[in-house]
């Protein structure tokens, strides 16, 4: 079986994508439609979880999660910092305490900042 945590994240992404397509809470067109999606049915005794995992994994492969630049890449692109280590110390230690500069920018923040996903 695929990694449980990743499958659950992909399942949530898939449901969120369906919500954007179908704001009326309809699951019409979802890969799990007809499989008795345990996310919406109270009686999940008839659910084949291996099928759920297979369908979620297939959807995730067809819809890869967008990758955003790291905070450092974005600030460098904006002309705010350069690769000089001394600039890192001065800027990030005083302004971005708690931010991990080489982590990718989370999708929700990237969208709010108008940052496009990276290619590849």
N, C-alpha and C. Protein backbone atom coordinates (compact mmCIF):
# COMPACT_ATOMS: atom_id res chain seq x y z
N UNK A 1 0.84 -1.19 0.00
CA UNK A 1 0.00 0.00 0.00
C UNK A 1 0.88 1.25 0.00
N UNK A 2 0.35 2.28 -0.59
CA UNK A 2 1.07 3.55 -0.63
C UNK A 2 1.18 4.12 0.79
N UNK A 3 2.05 5.09 0.95
CA UNK A 3 2.23 5.73 2.24
C UNK A 3 0.92 6.33 2.72
N UNK A 4 0.49 5.95 3.91
CA UNK A 4 -0.81 6.36 4.44
C UNK A 4 -0.97 7.87 4.51
N UNK A 5 0.01 8.54 5.06
CA UNK A 5 -0.09 10.00 5.24
C UNK A 5 -0.23 10.68 3.88
N UNK A 6 0.58 10.27 2.92
CA UNK A 6 0.51 10.89 1.59
C UNK A 6 -0.83 10.60 0.93
N UNK A 7 -1.34 9.39 1.08
CA UNK A 7 -2.64 9.04 0.51
C UNK A 7 -3.73 9.91 1.12
N UNK A 8 -3.68 10.13 2.42
CA UNK A 8 -4.69 10.96 3.08
C UNK A 8 -4.59 12.41 2.61
N UNK A 9 -3.38 12.93 2.45
CA UNK A 9 -3.20 14.29 1.94
C UNK A 9 -3.75 14.40 0.51
N UNK A 10 -3.45 13.39 -0.30
CA UNK A 10 -3.93 13.39 -1.68
C UNK A 10 -5.45 13.28 -1.73
N UNK A 11 -6.02 12.49 -0.82
CA UNK A 11 -7.48 12.35 -0.76
C UNK A 11 -8.12 13.70 -0.45
N UNK A 12 -7.54 14.41 0.52
CA UNK A 12 -8.05 15.74 0.89
C UNK A 12 -7.91 16.68 -0.30
N UNK A 13 -6.78 16.64 -1.00
CA UNK A 13 -6.58 17.48 -2.18
C UNK A 13 -7.62 17.16 -3.25
N UNK A 14 -7.89 15.87 -3.44
CA UNK A 14 -8.87 15.44 -4.43
C UNK A 14 -10.26 15.95 -4.06
N UNK A 15 -10.65 15.81 -2.79
CA UNK A 15 -11.96 16.31 -2.35
C UNK A 15 -12.04 17.82 -2.50
N UNK A 16 -10.97 18.54 -2.15
CA UNK A 16 -10.96 19.99 -2.29
C UNK A 16 -11.09 20.40 -3.76
N UNK A 17 -10.44 19.65 -4.64
CA UNK A 17 -10.54 19.95 -6.07
C UNK A 17 -11.96 19.72 -6.55
N UNK A 18 -12.62 18.68 -6.05
CA UNK A 18 -14.01 18.42 -6.43
C UNK A 18 -14.92 19.52 -5.90
N UNK A 19 -14.65 20.02 -4.70
CA UNK A 19 -15.46 21.11 -4.13
C UNK A 19 -15.37 22.36 -4.99
N UNK A 20 -14.18 22.61 -5.54
CA UNK A 20 -14.02 23.79 -6.40
C UNK A 20 -14.79 23.61 -7.70
N UNK A 21 -14.83 22.37 -8.20
CA UNK A 21 -15.56 22.09 -9.44
C UNK A 21 -17.05 22.03 -9.19
N UNK A 22 -17.45 21.54 -8.03
CA UNK A 22 -18.85 21.34 -7.70
C UNK A 22 -19.18 22.00 -6.36
N UNK A 23 -19.37 23.32 -6.35
CA UNK A 23 -19.64 24.00 -5.08
C UNK A 23 -20.95 23.58 -4.41
N UNK A 24 -21.77 22.81 -5.10
CA UNK A 24 -23.04 22.35 -4.52
C UNK A 24 -22.85 21.09 -3.67
N UNK A 25 -21.62 20.79 -3.30
CA UNK A 25 -21.27 19.60 -2.51
C UNK A 25 -21.54 18.29 -3.22
N UNK A 26 -21.66 18.34 -4.52
CA UNK A 26 -21.87 17.13 -5.30
C UNK A 26 -20.53 16.45 -5.56
N UNK A 27 -20.50 15.16 -5.44
CA UNK A 27 -19.29 14.40 -5.73
C UNK A 27 -19.33 13.84 -7.15
N UNK A 28 -20.27 14.33 -7.94
CA UNK A 28 -20.42 13.86 -9.32
C UNK A 28 -19.11 14.04 -10.07
N UNK A 29 -18.62 12.97 -10.62
CA UNK A 29 -17.37 13.01 -11.36
C UNK A 29 -16.16 12.61 -10.54
N UNK A 30 -16.33 12.44 -9.24
CA UNK A 30 -15.22 12.04 -8.38
C UNK A 30 -14.87 10.58 -8.67
N UNK A 31 -13.59 10.25 -8.59
CA UNK A 31 -13.15 8.86 -8.80
C UNK A 31 -13.77 7.89 -7.80
N UNK A 32 -14.16 8.39 -6.63
CA UNK A 32 -14.71 7.51 -5.59
C UNK A 32 -16.21 7.39 -5.67
N UNK A 33 -16.82 8.12 -6.59
CA UNK A 33 -18.27 8.02 -6.75
C UNK A 33 -18.60 6.58 -7.14
N UNK A 34 -19.53 6.00 -6.43
CA UNK A 34 -19.89 4.61 -6.70
C UNK A 34 -19.10 3.60 -5.89
N UNK A 35 -18.01 4.07 -5.24
CA UNK A 35 -17.23 3.18 -4.39
C UNK A 35 -17.67 3.29 -2.94
N UNK A 36 -18.63 4.16 -2.67
CA UNK A 36 -19.06 4.36 -1.29
C UNK A 36 -18.01 5.10 -0.50
N UNK A 37 -17.71 6.29 -0.92
CA UNK A 37 -16.67 7.10 -0.28
C UNK A 37 -16.92 7.20 1.22
N UNK A 38 -16.01 6.71 2.04
CA UNK A 38 -16.20 6.75 3.49
C UNK A 38 -16.14 8.16 4.06
N UNK A 39 -15.75 9.14 3.25
CA UNK A 39 -15.72 10.52 3.73
C UNK A 39 -17.13 11.07 3.90
N UNK A 40 -18.10 10.51 3.19
CA UNK A 40 -19.45 11.07 3.25
C UNK A 40 -20.51 10.09 3.75
N UNK A 41 -20.20 8.81 3.82
CA UNK A 41 -21.19 7.84 4.27
C UNK A 41 -20.89 7.37 5.68
N UNK A 42 -21.92 7.28 6.50
CA UNK A 42 -21.73 6.82 7.88
C UNK A 42 -21.43 5.32 7.92
N UNK A 43 -22.12 4.54 7.09
CA UNK A 43 -21.90 3.10 7.07
C UNK A 43 -20.86 2.78 6.01
N UNK A 44 -19.64 2.58 6.46
CA UNK A 44 -18.57 2.30 5.51
C UNK A 44 -18.19 0.81 5.48
N UNK A 45 -19.11 -0.04 5.93
CA UNK A 45 -18.82 -1.47 5.99
C UNK A 45 -18.65 -2.07 4.59
N UNK A 46 -19.18 -1.42 3.58
CA UNK A 46 -19.08 -1.94 2.21
C UNK A 46 -17.93 -1.30 1.43
N UNK A 47 -17.14 -0.46 2.08
CA UNK A 47 -16.07 0.26 1.40
C UNK A 47 -14.85 -0.64 1.25
N UNK A 48 -14.32 -0.68 0.04
CA UNK A 48 -13.08 -1.41 -0.23
C UNK A 48 -11.95 -0.38 -0.15
N UNK A 49 -11.27 -0.32 0.98
CA UNK A 49 -10.25 0.70 1.20
C UNK A 49 -9.07 0.55 0.24
N UNK A 50 -8.80 -0.63 -0.20
CA UNK A 50 -7.73 -0.81 -1.19
C UNK A 50 -8.11 -0.10 -2.49
N UNK A 51 -9.40 -0.17 -2.86
CA UNK A 51 -9.87 0.55 -4.05
C UNK A 51 -9.81 2.06 -3.85
N UNK A 52 -10.17 2.51 -2.66
CA UNK A 52 -10.09 3.93 -2.35
C UNK A 52 -8.65 4.39 -2.53
N UNK A 53 -7.71 3.67 -1.94
CA UNK A 53 -6.29 4.02 -2.04
C UNK A 53 -5.83 4.02 -3.49
N UNK A 54 -6.22 3.01 -4.25
CA UNK A 54 -5.82 2.91 -5.66
C UNK A 54 -6.34 4.12 -6.45
N UNK A 55 -7.59 4.49 -6.23
CA UNK A 55 -8.17 5.61 -6.96
C UNK A 55 -7.58 6.95 -6.53
N UNK A 56 -7.35 7.13 -5.26
CA UNK A 56 -6.74 8.37 -4.78
C UNK A 56 -5.32 8.50 -5.33
N UNK A 57 -4.56 7.42 -5.28
CA UNK A 57 -3.19 7.43 -5.78
C UNK A 57 -3.16 7.72 -7.28
N UNK A 58 -4.08 7.13 -8.03
CA UNK A 58 -4.15 7.38 -9.47
C UNK A 58 -4.49 8.84 -9.75
N UNK A 59 -5.45 9.40 -8.99
CA UNK A 59 -5.81 10.81 -9.17
C UNK A 59 -4.61 11.71 -8.88
N UNK A 60 -3.90 11.41 -7.80
CA UNK A 60 -2.75 12.23 -7.41
C UNK A 60 -1.66 12.18 -8.48
N UNK A 61 -1.48 11.02 -9.10
CA UNK A 61 -0.47 10.92 -10.16
C UNK A 61 -0.86 11.76 -11.37
N UNK A 62 -2.15 11.85 -11.64
CA UNK A 62 -2.64 12.66 -12.77
C UNK A 62 -2.69 14.14 -12.45
N UNK A 63 -2.73 14.49 -11.16
CA UNK A 63 -2.84 15.88 -10.71
C UNK A 63 -1.75 16.17 -9.69
N UNK A 64 -0.49 16.26 -10.14
CA UNK A 64 0.59 16.49 -9.18
C UNK A 64 0.41 17.82 -8.44
N UNK A 65 0.81 17.80 -7.20
CA UNK A 65 0.69 18.99 -6.37
C UNK A 65 1.68 20.04 -6.88
N UNK A 66 1.23 21.30 -7.04
CA UNK A 66 2.16 22.32 -7.52
C UNK A 66 3.28 22.56 -6.52
N UNK A 67 4.47 22.82 -7.03
CA UNK A 67 5.63 23.10 -6.19
C UNK A 67 5.94 24.59 -6.31
N UNK A 68 6.06 25.23 -5.17
CA UNK A 68 6.35 26.66 -5.14
C UNK A 68 7.80 26.88 -4.75
N UNK A 69 8.34 28.05 -5.10
CA UNK A 69 9.73 28.32 -4.74
C UNK A 69 9.89 28.38 -3.22
N UNK A 70 11.13 28.29 -2.79
CA UNK A 70 11.40 28.46 -1.36
C UNK A 70 11.31 29.95 -1.03
N UNK A 71 11.22 30.23 0.25
CA UNK A 71 11.20 31.64 0.66
C UNK A 71 12.45 32.34 0.15
N UNK A 72 13.59 31.67 0.28
CA UNK A 72 14.86 32.26 -0.17
C UNK A 72 14.81 32.55 -1.66
N UNK A 73 14.37 31.61 -2.49
CA UNK A 73 14.30 31.82 -3.94
C UNK A 73 13.39 33.00 -4.27
N UNK A 74 12.27 33.09 -3.58
CA UNK A 74 11.33 34.16 -3.86
C UNK A 74 11.91 35.52 -3.48
N UNK A 75 12.51 35.63 -2.29
CA UNK A 75 13.12 36.89 -1.87
C UNK A 75 14.29 37.27 -2.76
N UNK A 76 15.04 36.27 -3.20
CA UNK A 76 16.16 36.53 -4.11
C UNK A 76 15.62 37.03 -5.46
N UNK A 77 14.56 36.41 -5.95
CA UNK A 77 13.94 36.83 -7.21
C UNK A 77 13.38 38.25 -7.12
N UNK A 78 12.91 38.63 -5.93
CA UNK A 78 12.36 39.96 -5.70
C UNK A 78 13.48 41.00 -5.53
N UNK A 79 14.73 40.55 -5.46
CA UNK A 79 15.85 41.46 -5.29
C UNK A 79 16.07 41.90 -3.86
N UNK A 80 15.49 41.18 -2.92
CA UNK A 80 15.59 41.56 -1.51
C UNK A 80 16.85 40.98 -0.88
N UNK A 81 17.24 39.78 -1.28
CA UNK A 81 18.44 39.14 -0.73
C UNK A 81 19.28 38.60 -1.88
N UNK A 82 20.51 38.30 -1.56
CA UNK A 82 21.37 37.58 -2.50
C UNK A 82 21.89 36.36 -1.77
N UNK A 83 22.74 35.60 -2.41
CA UNK A 83 23.20 34.35 -1.81
C UNK A 83 24.25 34.57 -0.71
N UNK A 84 24.61 35.80 -0.45
CA UNK A 84 25.62 36.08 0.58
C UNK A 84 25.11 35.64 1.95
N UNK A 85 25.89 34.87 2.65
CA UNK A 85 25.49 34.35 3.97
C UNK A 85 25.26 35.49 4.96
N UNK A 86 26.03 36.56 4.87
CA UNK A 86 25.85 37.65 5.82
C UNK A 86 24.47 38.28 5.68
N UNK A 87 23.96 38.35 4.46
CA UNK A 87 22.62 38.89 4.26
C UNK A 87 21.59 37.96 4.88
N UNK A 88 21.83 36.66 4.77
CA UNK A 88 20.90 35.71 5.40
C UNK A 88 20.79 36.01 6.89
N UNK A 89 21.92 36.14 7.55
CA UNK A 89 21.91 36.36 8.99
C UNK A 89 21.17 37.63 9.37
N UNK A 90 21.48 38.71 8.69
CA UNK A 90 20.86 39.99 9.04
C UNK A 90 19.36 39.99 8.76
N UNK A 91 18.97 39.53 7.59
CA UNK A 91 17.56 39.62 7.19
C UNK A 91 16.70 38.57 7.88
N UNK A 92 17.06 37.31 7.75
CA UNK A 92 16.19 36.26 8.25
C UNK A 92 16.17 36.15 9.77
N UNK A 93 17.28 36.44 10.40
CA UNK A 93 17.29 36.35 11.86
C UNK A 93 16.47 37.46 12.50
N UNK A 94 16.32 38.59 11.82
CA UNK A 94 15.56 39.69 12.41
C UNK A 94 14.14 39.78 11.89
N UNK A 95 13.92 39.48 10.62
CA UNK A 95 12.59 39.65 10.02
C UNK A 95 11.79 38.34 10.02
N UNK A 96 12.40 37.26 9.64
CA UNK A 96 11.66 36.01 9.41
C UNK A 96 11.95 34.96 10.48
N UNK A 97 12.00 35.35 11.71
CA UNK A 97 12.25 34.40 12.79
C UNK A 97 11.15 33.33 12.76
N UNK A 98 11.57 32.09 12.77
CA UNK A 98 10.62 30.99 12.74
C UNK A 98 10.31 30.50 11.32
N UNK A 99 10.69 31.26 10.31
CA UNK A 99 10.46 30.85 8.93
C UNK A 99 11.66 30.05 8.46
N UNK A 100 11.41 28.94 7.81
CA UNK A 100 12.50 28.14 7.28
C UNK A 100 12.73 28.55 5.85
N UNK A 101 13.81 29.27 5.60
CA UNK A 101 14.03 29.92 4.32
C UNK A 101 14.19 28.97 3.15
N UNK A 102 14.57 27.73 3.39
CA UNK A 102 14.74 26.81 2.28
C UNK A 102 13.57 25.84 2.13
N UNK A 103 12.50 26.10 2.88
CA UNK A 103 11.26 25.33 2.70
C UNK A 103 10.46 25.99 1.59
N UNK A 104 9.72 25.18 0.85
CA UNK A 104 8.84 25.74 -0.17
C UNK A 104 7.76 26.57 0.49
N UNK A 105 7.35 27.61 -0.19
CA UNK A 105 6.27 28.46 0.31
C UNK A 105 4.99 27.64 0.27
N UNK A 106 4.23 27.58 1.35
CA UNK A 106 2.97 26.83 1.34
C UNK A 106 2.03 27.36 0.25
N UNK A 107 1.27 26.46 -0.35
CA UNK A 107 0.40 26.80 -1.48
C UNK A 107 -0.56 27.94 -1.15
N UNK A 108 -1.17 27.91 0.04
CA UNK A 108 -2.15 28.96 0.36
C UNK A 108 -1.49 30.34 0.43
N UNK A 109 -0.29 30.42 1.00
CA UNK A 109 0.41 31.70 1.07
C UNK A 109 0.91 32.13 -0.31
N UNK A 110 1.41 31.17 -1.08
CA UNK A 110 1.90 31.49 -2.42
C UNK A 110 0.78 32.07 -3.27
N UNK A 111 -0.40 31.50 -3.18
CA UNK A 111 -1.53 32.00 -3.95
C UNK A 111 -1.91 33.40 -3.51
N UNK A 112 -1.88 33.67 -2.20
CA UNK A 112 -2.20 35.01 -1.70
C UNK A 112 -1.17 36.04 -2.15
N UNK A 113 0.09 35.60 -2.28
CA UNK A 113 1.15 36.50 -2.72
C UNK A 113 1.24 36.60 -4.24
N UNK A 114 0.42 35.81 -4.94
CA UNK A 114 0.43 35.83 -6.41
C UNK A 114 1.63 35.13 -7.01
N UNK A 115 2.19 34.17 -6.26
CA UNK A 115 3.38 33.43 -6.73
C UNK A 115 2.92 32.23 -7.53
N UNK A 116 3.48 32.08 -8.71
CA UNK A 116 3.14 30.95 -9.58
C UNK A 116 3.95 29.72 -9.17
N UNK A 117 3.40 28.52 -9.38
CA UNK A 117 4.15 27.29 -9.10
C UNK A 117 5.39 27.20 -10.00
N UNK A 118 6.40 26.49 -9.51
CA UNK A 118 7.61 26.25 -10.28
C UNK A 118 7.31 25.22 -11.36
N UNK A 119 8.03 25.29 -12.44
CA UNK A 119 7.93 24.27 -13.49
C UNK A 119 8.66 23.02 -13.03
N UNK A 120 8.09 21.85 -13.41
CA UNK A 120 8.74 20.58 -13.10
C UNK A 120 8.61 20.24 -11.72
